[in-house]
Amino acid sequence: MKKVLLSLILIAFFQNACKSPSPEVRDLKKALNKVLVIDSLELAHQGNRVISIDEIRQHYDYFSVVFLKIGCKPCYPKYIEWHRQLDSISLPNHYTVLFVIQGNKYEEFMSEVFNYEYVDSRYYTVMDPEGKFLESNKDIPRWIIDASVLIDSENKIKMVGAPWINEDMTKLFYEIVSKGKS
């Protein structure tokens, strides 16, 4: 009986060991270290201030890029959540968030955000009226872009997802961004 049980366990082990990774895992592996194209993005808003992406890049080694759309009802609370949740973790000086908003007017987006809750816009928001961001990154699965990505100074994807989601993601975030300047 023990031999039969041991044989069944070994068969189950080898069957599971030979399974290929899920499509999501394959997507993630392909996306890591792939360049996220942000060349089409030029000017960003930070509250009432407008600044070029090049100027922002001079100050920050790492960006979390968060893609949202005007008219997308879940996008407004997501924008607020990013601001609120980042307050719960310690952020290095060489890290920031770049919100890429598919839509025409920054004021229109912020007006909708304020309908939910007031947010002090500490991070950068760039408008993408022609959808160039998605078009430039069509080789990256949309679910990855929607999950948000952390990029380094070379725009390479280093992490997928929000850094505060769980303890493991926060730890991974700190490991990655600790490699940048202080």
C-alpha atoms as a PDB file:
ATOM      1  CA  MET A   1       0.000   0.000   0.000  1.00  0.00           C
ATOM      2  CA  LYS A   2       2.838   2.407   0.858  1.00  0.00           C
ATOM      3  CA  LYS A   3       4.509   1.711  -2.492  1.00  0.00           C
ATOM      4  CA  VAL A   4       1.285   2.478  -4.368  1.00  0.00           C
ATOM      5  CA  LEU A   5       0.792   5.708  -2.421  1.00  0.00           C
ATOM      6  CA  LEU A   6       4.408   6.728  -2.967  1.00  0.00           C
ATOM      7  CA  SER A   7       4.075   5.972  -6.699  1.00  0.00           C
ATOM      8  CA  LEU A   8       0.922   8.107  -6.954  1.00  0.00           C
ATOM      9  CA  ILE A   9       2.631  10.978  -5.160  1.00  0.00           C
ATOM     10  CA  LEU A  10       5.655  10.766  -7.471  1.00  0.00           C
ATOM     11  CA  ILE A  11       3.441  10.636 -10.572  1.00  0.00           C
ATOM     12  CA  ALA A  12       1.482  13.687  -9.361  1.00  0.00           C
ATOM     13  CA  PHE A  13       4.733  15.511  -8.603  1.00  0.00           C
ATOM     14  CA  PHE A  14       6.221  14.884 -12.039  1.00  0.00           C
ATOM     15  CA  GLN A  15       2.985  15.799 -13.801  1.00  0.00           C
ATOM     16  CA  ASN A  16       2.840  19.122 -11.968  1.00  0.00           C
ATOM     17  CA  ALA A  17       6.561  19.745 -12.463  1.00  0.00           C
ATOM     18  CA  CYS A  18       6.147  19.440 -16.218  1.00  0.00           C
ATOM     19  CA  LYS A  19       3.195  21.827 -16.480  1.00  0.00           C
ATOM     20  CA  SER A  20       3.924  24.957 -18.403  1.00  0.00           C
ATOM     21  CA  PRO A  21       3.420  28.300 -16.693  1.00  0.00           C
ATOM     22  CA  SER A  22       0.098  30.088 -17.019  1.00  0.00           C
ATOM     23  CA  PRO A  23      -0.346  32.689 -19.787  1.00  0.00           C
ATOM     24  CA  GLU A  24      -0.143  35.445 -17.170  1.00  0.00           C
ATOM     25  CA  VAL A  25       3.198  34.172 -15.878  1.00  0.00           C
ATOM     26  CA  ARG A  26       4.525  33.946 -19.441  1.00  0.00           C
ATOM     27  CA  ASP A  27       3.310  37.517 -20.115  1.00  0.00           C
ATOM     28  CA  LEU A  28       5.027  38.772 -16.973  1.00  0.00           C
ATOM     29  CA  LYS A  29       8.317  37.075 -17.813  1.00  0.00           C
ATOM     30  CA  LYS A  30       8.262  38.571 -21.323  1.00  0.00           C
ATOM     31  CA  ALA A  31       7.370  42.048 -20.042  1.00  0.00           C
ATOM     32  CA  LEU A  32      10.093  42.325 -17.399  1.00  0.00           C
ATOM     33  CA  ASN A  33      13.018  44.377 -18.714  1.00  0.00           C
ATOM     34  CA  LYS A  34      11.074  45.299 -21.842  1.00  0.00           C
ATOM     35  CA  VAL A  35      11.199  49.020 -22.625  1.00  0.00           C
ATOM     36  CA  LEU A  36       7.978  50.908 -21.968  1.00  0.00           C
ATOM     37  CA  VAL A  37       7.735  53.572 -24.669  1.00  0.00           C
ATOM     38  CA  ILE A  38       6.959  56.999 -23.232  1.00  0.00           C
ATOM     39  CA  ASP A  39       8.579  59.072 -26.010  1.00  0.00           C
ATOM     40  CA  SER A  40       5.222  60.329 -27.265  1.00  0.00           C
ATOM     41  CA  LEU A  41       4.500  61.886 -23.863  1.00  0.00           C
ATOM     42  CA  GLU A  42       5.846  65.409 -23.593  1.00  0.00           C
ATOM     43  CA  LEU A  43       4.276  67.559 -20.876  1.00  0.00           C
ATOM     44  CA  ALA A  44       2.977  66.588 -17.466  1.00  0.00           C
ATOM     45  CA  HIS A  45       0.828  68.381 -14.929  1.00  0.00           C
ATOM     46  CA  GLN A  46       1.554  68.454 -11.235  1.00  0.00           C
ATOM     47  CA  GLY A  47      -1.303  70.441  -9.793  1.00  0.00           C
ATOM     48  CA  ASN A  48      -1.098  73.858 -11.499  1.00  0.00           C
ATOM     49  CA  ARG A  49       2.471  73.296 -12.671  1.00  0.00           C
ATOM     50  CA  VAL A  50       3.340  71.989 -16.169  1.00  0.00           C
ATOM     51  CA  ILE A  51       6.721  70.298 -16.671  1.00  0.00           C
ATOM     52  CA  SER A  52       8.374  68.318 -19.461  1.00  0.00           C
ATOM     53  CA  ILE A  53       8.880  64.583 -19.150  1.00  0.00           C
ATOM     54  CA  ASP A  54      12.589  65.180 -19.807  1.00  0.00           C
ATOM     55  CA  GLU A  55      12.795  67.462 -16.748  1.00  0.00           C
ATOM     56  CA  ILE A  56      11.011  64.894 -14.606  1.00  0.00           C
ATOM     57  CA  ARG A  57      13.375  62.201 -15.850  1.00  0.00           C
ATOM     58  CA  GLN A  58      16.359  64.287 -14.688  1.00  0.00           C
ATOM     59  CA  HIS A  59      15.110  64.048 -11.091  1.00  0.00           C
ATOM     60  CA  TYR A  60      13.794  60.491 -10.894  1.00  0.00           C
ATOM     61  CA  ASP A  61      15.332  57.104 -11.643  1.00  0.00           C
ATOM     62  CA  TYR A  62      12.075  55.186 -11.157  1.00  0.00           C
ATOM     63  CA  PHE A  63       8.474  55.830 -12.213  1.00  0.00           C
ATOM     64  CA  SER A  64       5.356  53.859 -11.564  1.00  0.00           C
ATOM     65  CA  VAL A  65       3.393  54.395 -14.767  1.00  0.00           C
ATOM     66  CA  VAL A  66      -0.345  54.214 -14.158  1.00  0.00           C
ATOM     67  CA  PHE A  67      -2.628  54.197 -17.204  1.00  0.00           C
ATOM     68  CA  LEU A  68      -6.147  55.635 -16.830  1.00  0.00           C
ATOM     69  CA  LYS A  69      -8.856  56.997 -19.137  1.00  0.00           C
ATOM     70  CA  ILE A  70     -11.271  59.902 -18.992  1.00  0.00           C
ATOM     71  CA  GLY A  71     -14.773  58.461 -18.765  1.00  0.00           C
ATOM     72  CA  CYS A  72     -13.614  55.253 -17.067  1.00  0.00           C
ATOM     73  CA  LYS A  73     -15.566  55.216 -13.786  1.00  0.00           C
ATOM     74  CA  PRO A  74     -13.101  52.955 -11.872  1.00  0.00           C
ATOM     75  CA  CYS A  75     -10.168  55.126 -13.007  1.00  0.00           C
ATOM     76  CA  TYR A  76     -11.016  58.094 -10.781  1.00  0.00           C
ATOM     77  CA  PRO A  77     -10.994  56.078  -7.523  1.00  0.00           C
ATOM     78  CA  LYS A  78      -7.798  54.350  -8.741  1.00  0.00           C
ATOM     79  CA  TYR A  79      -6.113  57.752  -9.102  1.00  0.00           C
ATOM     80  CA  ILE A  80      -7.184  58.648  -5.566  1.00  0.00           C
ATOM     81  CA  GLU A  81      -6.085  55.256  -4.234  1.00  0.00           C
ATOM     82  CA  TRP A  82      -2.581  55.680  -5.633  1.00  0.00           C
ATOM     83  CA  HIS A  83      -2.221  58.994  -3.808  1.00  0.00           C
ATOM     84  CA  ARG A  84      -3.652  57.646  -0.561  1.00  0.00           C
ATOM     85  CA  GLN A  85      -1.799  54.314  -0.542  1.00  0.00           C
ATOM     86  CA  LEU A  86       1.609  55.745  -1.396  1.00  0.00           C
ATOM     87  CA  ASP A  87       1.317  57.732   1.824  1.00  0.00           C
ATOM     88  CA  SER A  88       1.348  54.388   3.651  1.00  0.00           C
ATOM     89  CA  ILE A  89       4.843  53.420   2.469  1.00  0.00           C
ATOM     90  CA  SER A  90       8.160  55.241   2.585  1.00  0.00           C
ATOM     91  CA  LEU A  91       9.184  56.505  -0.852  1.00  0.00           C
ATOM     92  CA  PRO A  92      12.735  57.267  -1.949  1.00  0.00           C
ATOM     93  CA  ASN A  93      13.507  60.691  -3.405  1.00  0.00           C
ATOM     94  CA  HIS A  94      14.363  59.197  -6.796  1.00  0.00           C
ATOM     95  CA  TYR A  95      10.891  57.673  -7.306  1.00  0.00           C
ATOM     96  CA  THR A  96       7.649  59.202  -8.551  1.00  0.00           C
ATOM     97  CA  VAL A  97       4.394  58.292 -10.242  1.00  0.00           C
ATOM     98  CA  LEU A  98       3.464  59.196 -13.801  1.00  0.00           C
ATOM     99  CA  PHE A  99      -0.246  58.957 -14.536  1.00  0.00           C
ATOM    100  CA  VAL A 100      -0.932  58.584 -18.259  1.00  0.00           C
ATOM    101  CA  ILE A 101      -4.505  59.669 -18.942  1.00  0.00           C
ATOM    102  CA  GLN A 102      -6.063  58.835 -22.279  1.00  0.00           C
ATOM    103  CA  GLY A 103      -8.161  61.916 -22.920  1.00  0.00           C
ATOM    104  CA  ASN A 104      -8.019  65.549 -23.891  1.00  0.00           C
ATOM    105  CA  LYS A 105      -8.189  67.813 -20.858  1.00  0.00           C
ATOM    106  CA  TYR A 106      -6.378  67.543 -17.543  1.00  0.00           C
ATOM    107  CA  GLU A 107      -8.952  69.834 -15.934  1.00  0.00           C
ATOM    108  CA  GLU A 108     -11.777  67.523 -17.051  1.00  0.00           C
ATOM    109  CA  PHE A 109     -10.057  64.512 -15.504  1.00  0.00           C
ATOM    110  CA  MET A 110      -9.339  66.318 -12.227  1.00  0.00           C
ATOM    111  CA  SER A 111     -12.901  67.645 -12.057  1.00  0.00           C
ATOM    112  CA  GLU A 112     -14.156  64.055 -12.141  1.00  0.00           C
ATOM    113  CA  VAL A 113     -11.599  63.007  -9.519  1.00  0.00           C
ATOM    114  CA  PHE A 114     -12.755  65.843  -7.234  1.00  0.00           C
ATOM    115  CA  ASN A 115     -16.349  64.611  -7.598  1.00  0.00           C
ATOM    116  CA  TYR A 116     -15.148  61.570  -5.627  1.00  0.00           C
ATOM    117  CA  GLU A 117     -12.640  63.170  -3.287  1.00  0.00           C
ATOM    118  CA  TYR A 118     -10.163  66.050  -3.154  1.00  0.00           C
ATOM    119  CA  VAL A 119      -6.604  64.968  -3.964  1.00  0.00           C
ATOM    120  CA  ASP A 120      -3.477  67.063  -3.623  1.00  0.00           C
ATOM    121  CA  SER A 121      -1.776  66.168  -6.920  1.00  0.00           C
ATOM    122  CA  ARG A 122       1.757  65.405  -5.758  1.00  0.00           C
ATOM    123  CA  TYR A 123       2.549  63.196  -8.724  1.00  0.00           C
ATOM    124  CA  TYR A 124       2.716  63.818 -12.460  1.00  0.00           C
ATOM    125  CA  THR A 125      -0.167  63.476 -14.904  1.00  0.00           C
ATOM    126  CA  VAL A 126       0.286  63.479 -18.651  1.00  0.00           C
ATOM    127  CA  MET A 127      -2.593  63.651 -21.106  1.00  0.00           C
ATOM    128  CA  ASP A 128      -2.657  61.372 -24.144  1.00  0.00           C
ATOM    129  CA  PRO A 129      -5.479  62.611 -26.382  1.00  0.00           C
ATOM    130  CA  GLU A 130      -4.513  60.489 -29.403  1.00  0.00           C
ATOM    131  CA  GLY A 131      -3.878  57.196 -27.597  1.00  0.00           C
ATOM    132  CA  LYS A 132      -0.200  57.154 -28.594  1.00  0.00           C
ATOM    133  CA  PHE A 133       0.868  55.525 -25.323  1.00  0.00           C
ATOM    134  CA  LEU A 134      -1.157  52.362 -25.898  1.00  0.00           C
ATOM    135  CA  GLU A 135      -0.267  52.289 -29.589  1.00  0.00           C
ATOM    136  CA  SER A 136       3.459  52.603 -28.802  1.00  0.00           C
ATOM    137  CA  ASN A 137       3.229  49.763 -26.272  1.00  0.00           C
ATOM    138  CA  LYS A 138       0.914  47.372 -28.115  1.00  0.00           C
ATOM    139  CA  ASP A 139       3.431  44.529 -27.682  1.00  0.00           C
ATOM    140  CA  ILE A 140       2.884  44.692 -23.904  1.00  0.00           C
ATOM    141  CA  PRO A 141      -0.341  42.955 -22.829  1.00  0.00           C
ATOM    142  CA  ARG A 142      -3.010  45.464 -21.889  1.00  0.00           C
ATOM    143  CA  TRP A 143      -3.651  43.776 -18.538  1.00  0.00           C
ATOM    144  CA  ILE A 144      -0.040  44.524 -17.572  1.00  0.00           C
ATOM    145  CA  ILE A 145      -0.365  48.189 -18.529  1.00  0.00           C
ATOM    146  CA  ASP A 146      -3.669  48.378 -16.627  1.00  0.00           C
ATOM    147  CA  ALA A 147      -1.995  46.867 -13.552  1.00  0.00           C
ATOM    148  CA  SER A 148       0.659  49.655 -13.634  1.00  0.00           C
ATOM    149  CA  VAL A 149       4.363  49.166 -14.156  1.00  0.00           C
ATOM    150  CA  LEU A 150       7.491  50.324 -12.411  1.00  0.00           C
ATOM    151  CA  ILE A 151      10.165  51.468 -14.867  1.00  0.00           C
ATOM    152  CA  ASP A 152      13.798  52.353 -14.333  1.00  0.00           C
ATOM    153  CA  SER A 153      15.894  55.182 -15.807  1.00  0.00           C
ATOM    154  CA  GLU A 154      16.094  53.305 -19.126  1.00  0.00           C
ATOM    155  CA  ASN A 155      12.281  52.867 -19.178  1.00  0.00           C
ATOM    156  CA  LYS A 156      12.657  49.124 -18.638  1.00  0.00           C
ATOM    157  CA  ILE A 157       9.816  47.421 -16.792  1.00  0.00           C
ATOM    158  CA  LYS A 158      11.058  46.218 -13.418  1.00  0.00           C
ATOM    159  CA  MET A 159       7.795  45.362 -11.656  1.00  0.00           C
ATOM    160  CA  VAL A 160       4.118  44.984 -12.508  1.00  0.00           C
ATOM    161  CA  GLY A 161       1.517  46.127  -9.988  1.00  0.00           C
ATOM    162  CA  ALA A 162       1.173  48.662  -7.220  1.00  0.00           C
ATOM    163  CA  PRO A 163       3.937  48.666  -4.602  1.00  0.00           C
ATOM    164  CA  TRP A 164       1.542  48.698  -1.644  1.00  0.00           C
ATOM    165  CA  ILE A 165      -0.716  45.785  -2.712  1.00  0.00           C
ATOM    166  CA  ASN A 166       0.872  43.351  -0.274  1.00  0.00           C
ATOM    167  CA  GLU A 167       3.983  42.872   1.806  1.00  0.00           C
ATOM    168  CA  ASP A 168       5.818  40.933  -0.909  1.00  0.00           C
ATOM    169  CA  MET A 169       5.201  43.654  -3.512  1.00  0.00           C
ATOM    170  CA  THR A 170       6.352  46.357  -1.103  1.00  0.00           C
ATOM    171  CA  LYS A 171       9.508  44.372  -0.350  1.00  0.00           C
ATOM    172  CA  LEU A 172      10.180  43.832  -4.074  1.00  0.00           C
ATOM    173  CA  PHE A 173       9.585  47.544  -4.716  1.00  0.00           C
ATOM    174  CA  TYR A 174      12.171  48.521  -2.089  1.00  0.00           C
ATOM    175  CA  GLU A 175      14.694  46.008  -3.458  1.00  0.00           C
ATOM    176  CA  ILE A 176      14.345  47.470  -6.952  1.00  0.00           C
ATOM    177  CA  VAL A 177      14.358  51.176  -6.096  1.00  0.00           C
ATOM    178  CA  SER A 178      17.229  50.813  -3.611  1.00  0.00           C
ATOM    179  CA  LYS A 179      19.494  50.435  -6.673  1.00  0.00           C
ATOM    180  CA  GLY A 180      18.857  54.062  -7.717  1.00  0.00           C
ATOM    181  CA  LYS A 181      20.353  57.300  -6.472  1.00  0.00           C
ATOM    182  CA  SER A 182      19.296  58.759  -3.146  1.00  0.00           C
END
